[in-house]
C-alpha atoms as a PDB file:
ATOM      1  CA  MET A   1     -41.030 -50.495  56.301  1.00  0.00           C
ATOM      2  CA  MET A   2     -37.724 -51.028  58.138  1.00  0.00           C
ATOM      3  CA  GLN A   3     -36.505 -47.897  56.339  1.00  0.00           C
ATOM      4  CA  LEU A   4     -39.141 -45.811  57.799  1.00  0.00           C
ATOM      5  CA  ILE A   5     -38.594 -47.144  61.255  1.00  0.00           C
ATOM      6  CA  LYS A   6     -34.861 -46.343  60.883  1.00  0.00           C
ATOM      7  CA  GLU A   7     -35.679 -42.806  59.755  1.00  0.00           C
ATOM      8  CA  SER A   8     -38.036 -42.221  62.575  1.00  0.00           C
ATOM      9  CA  GLU A   9     -35.398 -43.064  65.146  1.00  0.00           C
ATOM     10  CA  GLY A  10     -33.908 -39.770  64.174  1.00  0.00           C
ATOM     11  CA  PHE A  11     -36.776 -37.682  65.213  1.00  0.00           C
ATOM     12  CA  GLN A  12     -36.038 -35.185  67.976  1.00  0.00           C
ATOM     13  CA  GLU A  13     -38.330 -33.696  70.576  1.00  0.00           C
ATOM     14  CA  PRO A  14     -39.299 -30.143  69.481  1.00  0.00           C
ATOM     15  CA  ARG A  15     -37.443 -27.344  71.335  1.00  0.00           C
ATOM     16  CA  LEU A  16     -40.623 -25.836  72.837  1.00  0.00           C
ATOM     17  CA  ALA A  17     -41.708 -29.234  74.256  1.00  0.00           C
ATOM     18  CA  LYS A  18     -38.045 -29.987  75.526  1.00  0.00           C
ATOM     19  CA  PHE A  19     -38.098 -26.551  77.197  1.00  0.00           C
ATOM     20  CA  ILE A  20     -41.619 -26.953  78.748  1.00  0.00           C
ATOM     21  CA  PHE A  21     -41.223 -30.624  79.908  1.00  0.00           C
ATOM     22  CA  SER A  22     -37.333 -30.876  80.582  1.00  0.00           C
ATOM     23  CA  SER A  23     -35.781 -27.459  81.294  1.00  0.00           C
ATOM     24  CA  PRO A  24     -34.901 -26.633  84.905  1.00  0.00           C
ATOM     25  CA  LYS A  25     -36.318 -23.199  84.143  1.00  0.00           C
ATOM     26  CA  MET A  26     -39.771 -24.529  84.238  1.00  0.00           C
ATOM     27  CA  ALA A  27     -39.286 -26.212  87.597  1.00  0.00           C
ATOM     28  CA  VAL A  28     -41.051 -23.189  89.282  1.00  0.00           C
ATOM     29  CA  PHE A  29     -44.149 -23.468  86.993  1.00  0.00           C
ATOM     30  CA  TRP A  30     -44.466 -27.290  87.663  1.00  0.00           C
ATOM     31  CA  LEU A  31     -43.968 -26.593  91.459  1.00  0.00           C
ATOM     32  CA  ALA A  32     -46.974 -24.568  91.296  1.00  0.00           C
ATOM     33  CA  VAL A  33     -48.998 -27.176  89.320  1.00  0.00           C
ATOM     34  CA  ARG A  34     -47.745 -29.955  91.742  1.00  0.00           C
ATOM     35  CA  LEU A  35     -48.910 -27.970  94.852  1.00  0.00           C
ATOM     36  CA  TYR A  36     -52.361 -27.334  93.379  1.00  0.00           C
ATOM     37  CA  VAL A  37     -52.877 -30.830  92.177  1.00  0.00           C
ATOM     38  CA  GLY A  38     -51.361 -32.378  95.269  1.00  0.00           C
ATOM     39  CA  TRP A  39     -53.430 -30.280  97.662  1.00  0.00           C
ATOM     40  CA  GLU A  40     -56.521 -31.310  95.757  1.00  0.00           C
ATOM     41  CA  TRP A  41     -55.682 -35.097  96.331  1.00  0.00           C
ATOM     42  CA  LEU A  42     -54.449 -34.592  99.919  1.00  0.00           C
ATOM     43  CA  SER A  43     -57.680 -32.797 100.943  1.00  0.00           C
ATOM     44  CA  ALA A  44     -59.908 -35.175  99.035  1.00  0.00           C
ATOM     45  CA  GLY A  45     -58.006 -38.192 100.879  1.00  0.00           C
ATOM     46  CA  TYR A  46     -58.148 -36.574 104.189  1.00  0.00           C
ATOM     47  CA  GLU A  47     -61.797 -35.951 103.994  1.00  0.00           C
ATOM     48  CA  LYS A  48     -62.383 -39.587 103.338  1.00  0.00           C
ATOM     49  CA  ALA A  49     -59.991 -40.724 106.044  1.00  0.00           C
ATOM     50  CA  ILE A  50     -62.154 -38.864 108.674  1.00  0.00           C
ATOM     51  CA  SER A  51     -65.438 -39.978 107.182  1.00  0.00           C
ATOM     52  CA  PRO A  52     -67.133 -42.923 108.759  1.00  0.00           C
ATOM     53  CA  VAL A  53     -68.623 -43.892 105.443  1.00  0.00           C
ATOM     54  CA  TRP A  54     -65.188 -44.275 103.828  1.00  0.00           C
ATOM     55  CA  THR A  55     -62.876 -45.578 106.685  1.00  0.00           C
ATOM     56  CA  GLY A  56     -64.972 -45.719 109.712  1.00  0.00           C
ATOM     57  CA  ASN A  57     -67.569 -48.041 111.170  1.00  0.00           C
ATOM     58  CA  GLN A  58     -69.655 -47.520 107.840  1.00  0.00           C
ATOM     59  CA  ALA A  59     -66.790 -47.984 105.642  1.00  0.00           C
ATOM     60  CA  GLY A  60     -67.974 -48.948 102.021  1.00  0.00           C
ATOM     61  CA  THR A  61     -71.188 -47.226 102.351  1.00  0.00           C
ATOM     62  CA  ALA A  62     -70.146 -44.094 100.229  1.00  0.00           C
ATOM     63  CA  MET A  63     -68.278 -46.445  97.765  1.00  0.00           C
ATOM     64  CA  GLY A  64     -71.534 -48.447  97.321  1.00  0.00           C
ATOM     65  CA  GLY A  65     -73.402 -45.560  96.672  1.00  0.00           C
ATOM     66  CA  PHE A  66     -70.736 -44.318  94.161  1.00  0.00           C
ATOM     67  CA  VAL A  67     -71.023 -47.675  92.284  1.00  0.00           C
ATOM     68  CA  ALA A  68     -74.789 -47.959  92.338  1.00  0.00           C
ATOM     69  CA  GLY A  69     -75.063 -44.295  90.867  1.00  0.00           C
ATOM     70  CA  ALA A  70     -72.598 -45.086  88.154  1.00  0.00           C
ATOM     71  CA  LEU A  71     -74.289 -48.217  87.136  1.00  0.00           C
ATOM     72  CA  LYS A  72     -77.505 -46.260  86.710  1.00  0.00           C
ATOM     73  CA  ASN A  73     -75.744 -44.297  83.858  1.00  0.00           C
ATOM     74  CA  THR A  74     -75.259 -47.419  81.800  1.00  0.00           C
ATOM     75  CA  ALA A  75     -78.731 -47.174  80.360  1.00  0.00           C
ATOM     76  CA  GLY A  76     -79.972 -45.223  77.207  1.00  0.00           C
ATOM     77  CA  ASP A  77     -78.909 -44.334  73.914  1.00  0.00           C
ATOM     78  CA  HIS A  78     -75.756 -42.479  75.008  1.00  0.00           C
ATOM     79  CA  PRO A  79     -74.800 -43.869  78.399  1.00  0.00           C
ATOM     80  CA  SER A  80     -72.120 -41.996  80.248  1.00  0.00           C
ATOM     81  CA  VAL A  81     -70.583 -45.081  81.686  1.00  0.00           C
ATOM     82  CA  GLN A  82     -69.688 -47.855  79.086  1.00  0.00           C
ATOM     83  CA  GLY A  83     -70.503 -51.454  79.399  1.00  0.00           C
ATOM     84  CA  TRP A  84     -67.188 -52.770  79.859  1.00  0.00           C
ATOM     85  CA  TYR A  85     -66.536 -50.458  82.744  1.00  0.00           C
ATOM     86  CA  ALA A  86     -69.862 -51.352  84.288  1.00  0.00           C
ATOM     87  CA  TRP A  87     -68.758 -54.976  84.305  1.00  0.00           C
ATOM     88  CA  VAL A  88     -65.550 -53.865  86.262  1.00  0.00           C
ATOM     89  CA  LEU A  89     -67.739 -51.986  88.782  1.00  0.00           C
ATOM     90  CA  THR A  90     -69.980 -55.011  89.159  1.00  0.00           C
ATOM     91  CA  ASN A  91     -67.644 -57.698  89.356  1.00  0.00           C
ATOM     92  CA  LEU A  92     -64.575 -56.261  90.793  1.00  0.00           C
ATOM     93  CA  VAL A  93     -65.495 -53.158  92.970  1.00  0.00           C
ATOM     94  CA  GLN A  94     -69.130 -53.828  94.140  1.00  0.00           C
ATOM     95  CA  PRO A  95     -68.326 -57.041  96.097  1.00  0.00           C
ATOM     96  CA  ASN A  96     -65.330 -55.350  97.620  1.00  0.00           C
ATOM     97  CA  THR A  97     -66.546 -51.822  98.548  1.00  0.00           C
ATOM     98  CA  VAL A  98     -64.733 -51.755 101.970  1.00  0.00           C
ATOM     99  CA  ALA A  99     -61.309 -52.632 100.639  1.00  0.00           C
ATOM    100  CA  TRP A 100     -61.763 -50.102  97.716  1.00  0.00           C
ATOM    101  CA  SER A 101     -62.746 -47.380 100.151  1.00  0.00           C
ATOM    102  CA  TYR A 102     -59.509 -47.813 102.070  1.00  0.00           C
ATOM    103  CA  ALA A 103     -57.407 -48.218  98.926  1.00  0.00           C
ATOM    104  CA  ILE A 104     -58.842 -45.179  97.454  1.00  0.00           C
ATOM    105  CA  THR A 105     -58.344 -43.120 100.725  1.00  0.00           C
ATOM    106  CA  VAL A 106     -54.704 -44.149 101.141  1.00  0.00           C
ATOM    107  CA  GLY A 107     -54.018 -43.694  97.308  1.00  0.00           C
ATOM    108  CA  GLU A 108     -55.382 -40.086  97.251  1.00  0.00           C
ATOM    109  CA  ILE A 109     -53.268 -39.184 100.346  1.00  0.00           C
ATOM    110  CA  LEU A 110     -50.162 -40.806  98.986  1.00  0.00           C
ATOM    111  CA  VAL A 111     -50.611 -39.025  95.511  1.00  0.00           C
ATOM    112  CA  GLY A 112     -51.102 -35.701  97.347  1.00  0.00           C
ATOM    113  CA  LEU A 113     -48.024 -36.086  99.591  1.00  0.00           C
ATOM    114  CA  GLY A 114     -45.957 -37.338  96.638  1.00  0.00           C
ATOM    115  CA  LEU A 115     -46.824 -34.251  94.569  1.00  0.00           C
ATOM    116  CA  ILE A 116     -46.610 -31.768  97.429  1.00  0.00           C
ATOM    117  CA  PHE A 117     -43.186 -32.907  98.403  1.00  0.00           C
ATOM    118  CA  GLY A 118     -41.942 -33.557  94.917  1.00  0.00           C
ATOM    119  CA  LEU A 119     -41.139 -37.275  95.535  1.00  0.00           C
ATOM    120  CA  PHE A 120     -41.467 -39.787  92.637  1.00  0.00           C
ATOM    121  CA  THR A 121     -43.519 -36.939  90.934  1.00  0.00           C
ATOM    122  CA  GLY A 122     -43.982 -38.726  87.796  1.00  0.00           C
ATOM    123  CA  ILE A 123     -45.265 -41.823  89.461  1.00  0.00           C
ATOM    124  CA  ALA A 124     -47.671 -39.935  91.747  1.00  0.00           C
ATOM    125  CA  ALA A 125     -48.963 -37.962  88.888  1.00  0.00           C
ATOM    126  CA  PHE A 126     -49.493 -41.077  86.886  1.00  0.00           C
ATOM    127  CA  PHE A 127     -51.583 -42.797  89.742  1.00  0.00           C
ATOM    128  CA  GLY A 128     -53.447 -39.503  90.243  1.00  0.00           C
ATOM    129  CA  GLY A 129     -54.349 -39.417  86.504  1.00  0.00           C
ATOM    130  CA  LEU A 130     -55.336 -42.967  86.722  1.00  0.00           C
ATOM    131  CA  MET A 131     -57.870 -42.320  89.456  1.00  0.00           C
ATOM    132  CA  ASN A 132     -59.212 -39.300  87.464  1.00  0.00           C
ATOM    133  CA  ALA A 133     -59.577 -41.540  84.523  1.00  0.00           C
ATOM    134  CA  ASN A 134     -61.550 -43.970  86.622  1.00  0.00           C
ATOM    135  CA  TYR A 135     -63.867 -41.281  88.045  1.00  0.00           C
ATOM    136  CA  LEU A 136     -64.441 -40.214  84.627  1.00  0.00           C
ATOM    137  CA  LEU A 137     -65.288 -43.566  83.373  1.00  0.00           C
ATOM    138  CA  ALA A 138     -67.770 -43.866  86.116  1.00  0.00           C
ATOM    139  CA  GLY A 139     -69.585 -40.775  84.909  1.00  0.00           C
ATOM    140  CA  THR A 140     -68.188 -38.207  87.579  1.00  0.00           C
ATOM    141  CA  VAL A 141     -66.927 -35.157  85.913  1.00  0.00           C
ATOM    142  CA  SER A 142     -66.275 -32.487  88.747  1.00  0.00           C
ATOM    143  CA  THR A 143     -62.630 -31.349  88.694  1.00  0.00           C
ATOM    144  CA  ASN A 144     -61.367 -34.748  87.180  1.00  0.00           C
ATOM    145  CA  PRO A 145     -60.856 -33.460  83.539  1.00  0.00           C
ATOM    146  CA  SER A 146     -58.666 -30.520  84.540  1.00  0.00           C
ATOM    147  CA  LEU A 147     -56.723 -32.509  87.229  1.00  0.00           C
ATOM    148  CA  PHE A 148     -56.318 -35.369  84.489  1.00  0.00           C
ATOM    149  CA  ILE A 149     -54.767 -32.762  82.192  1.00  0.00           C
ATOM    150  CA  LEU A 150     -52.409 -31.427  84.909  1.00  0.00           C
ATOM    151  CA  ALA A 151     -51.461 -34.892  85.897  1.00  0.00           C
ATOM    152  CA  THR A 152     -50.584 -35.895  82.303  1.00  0.00           C
ATOM    153  CA  GLY A 153     -48.333 -32.588  82.140  1.00  0.00           C
ATOM    154  CA  LEU A 154     -46.704 -33.704  85.312  1.00  0.00           C
ATOM    155  CA  VAL A 155     -46.063 -37.096  84.030  1.00  0.00           C
ATOM    156  CA  LEU A 156     -44.415 -35.580  80.806  1.00  0.00           C
ATOM    157  CA  ALA A 157     -42.592 -33.283  82.938  1.00  0.00           C
ATOM    158  CA  TRP A 158     -41.155 -35.588  85.540  1.00  0.00           C
ATOM    159  CA  ARG A 159     -37.539 -34.596  84.920  1.00  0.00           C
ATOM    160  CA  ALA A 160     -38.243 -30.827  85.782  1.00  0.00           C
ATOM    161  CA  ALA A 161     -41.356 -31.140  87.976  1.00  0.00           C
ATOM    162  CA  GLY A 162     -39.595 -32.646  91.059  1.00  0.00           C
ATOM    163  CA  LEU A 163     -36.515 -30.544  90.776  1.00  0.00           C
ATOM    164  CA  LEU A 164     -37.819 -28.194  93.499  1.00  0.00           C
ATOM    165  CA  GLY A 165     -38.686 -31.142  95.736  1.00  0.00           C
ATOM    166  CA  LEU A 166     -37.303 -34.351  96.987  1.00  0.00           C
ATOM    167  CA  ASP A 167     -36.740 -35.926  93.638  1.00  0.00           C
ATOM    168  CA  TYR A 168     -33.772 -33.564  93.548  1.00  0.00           C
ATOM    169  CA  PHE A 169     -32.151 -35.884  96.051  1.00  0.00           C
ATOM    170  CA  ALA A 170     -34.043 -39.181  95.437  1.00  0.00           C
ATOM    171  CA  LEU A 171     -33.720 -39.790  91.805  1.00  0.00           C
ATOM    172  CA  PRO A 172     -29.876 -39.315  91.475  1.00  0.00           C
ATOM    173  CA  PHE A 173     -29.566 -41.541  94.409  1.00  0.00           C
ATOM    174  CA  LEU A 174     -32.038 -44.300  93.354  1.00  0.00           C
ATOM    175  CA  GLY A 175     -31.802 -43.853  89.630  1.00  0.00           C
ATOM    176  CA  VAL A 176     -34.551 -44.152  87.020  1.00  0.00           C
ATOM    177  CA  PRO A 177     -35.062 -47.107  84.423  1.00  0.00           C
ATOM    178  CA  GLY A 178     -31.935 -47.360  82.250  1.00  0.00           C
ATOM    179  CA  GLN A 179     -29.854 -45.019  84.310  1.00  0.00           C
ATOM    180  CA  PRO A 180     -28.788 -46.486  87.685  1.00  0.00           C
ATOM    181  CA  GLY A 181     -28.233 -44.078  90.660  1.00  0.00           C
ATOM    182  CA  ARG A 182     -25.432 -43.683  93.118  1.00  0.00           C
ATOM    183  CA  LEU A 183     -27.089 -46.450  95.323  1.00  0.00           C
ATOM    184  CA  VAL A 184     -26.622 -49.053  92.524  1.00  0.00           C
ATOM    185  CA  LYS A 185     -23.283 -47.871  91.563  1.00  0.00           C
ATOM    186  CA  GLN A 186     -22.101 -48.179  95.230  1.00  0.00           C
ATOM    187  CA  HIS A 187     -23.138 -51.865  95.320  1.00  0.00           C
ATOM    188  CA  ASP A 188     -21.874 -52.882  91.903  1.00  0.00           C
ATOM    189  CA  GLY A 189     -18.578 -51.013  92.176  1.00  0.00           C
ATOM    190  CA  THR A 190     -18.903 -48.920  89.054  1.00  0.00           C
ATOM    191  CA  ALA A 191     -17.819 -45.330  89.103  1.00  0.00           C
ATOM    192  CA  PRO A 192     -20.438 -42.629  88.456  1.00  0.00           C
ATOM    193  CA  PRO A 193     -20.215 -41.036  84.999  1.00  0.00           C
ATOM    194  CA  THR A 194     -18.190 -37.971  84.748  1.00  0.00           C
ATOM    195  CA  LEU A 195     -19.414 -34.826  82.988  1.00  0.00           C
ATOM    196  CA  ALA A 196     -15.862 -33.640  82.320  1.00  0.00           C
ATOM    197  CA  PRO A 197     -14.900 -33.982  78.646  1.00  0.00           C
ATOM    198  CA  THR A 198     -12.163 -36.605  77.852  1.00  0.00           C
ATOM    199  CA  PRO A 199      -8.943 -35.198  76.425  1.00  0.00           C
ATOM    200  CA  ALA A 200      -8.383 -35.793  72.704  1.00  0.00           C
ATOM    201  CA  SER A 201      -5.636 -38.580  72.187  1.00  0.00           C
END
């Protein structure tokens, strides 16, 4: 078993996958995906932000109706909403529809802005996909399947997807897990890594 694990450590990412998800040459493609998905989230969040049934004097009304509609789909031989998710809706969402209304509205706007401006692209896409998954679990199809697929692509392509965006500046400065950025190196006194080859001794 350990031998198999050691051998698997040598697997390399296929060239095509590396090109699609990591190559700077794909940055323009991922920019187009980012802008489309980001606009979808931003416009959805904006519509909620100006809606009285989401964030106005009737906040929670739309969320309550959404939950009630989802719970109706738990019956039958092939329910579109699974029992465990119905429990989540009944016990965690339904008693707090106002709070969830505001959280979803703010979340959709932040995901939209993050993707449009290319700031923390992978994180924004992850939370966008998470919202898509929750809508799907609640039985709402609409554009959620396509947005979920595109969000998954953006998560995988986080290195290239934000190159034509604020990630180009933010990630080298802040760093990523396992690779500290200039901010950390300034505080701990370590020198940034050099890309120049070291002379042979």
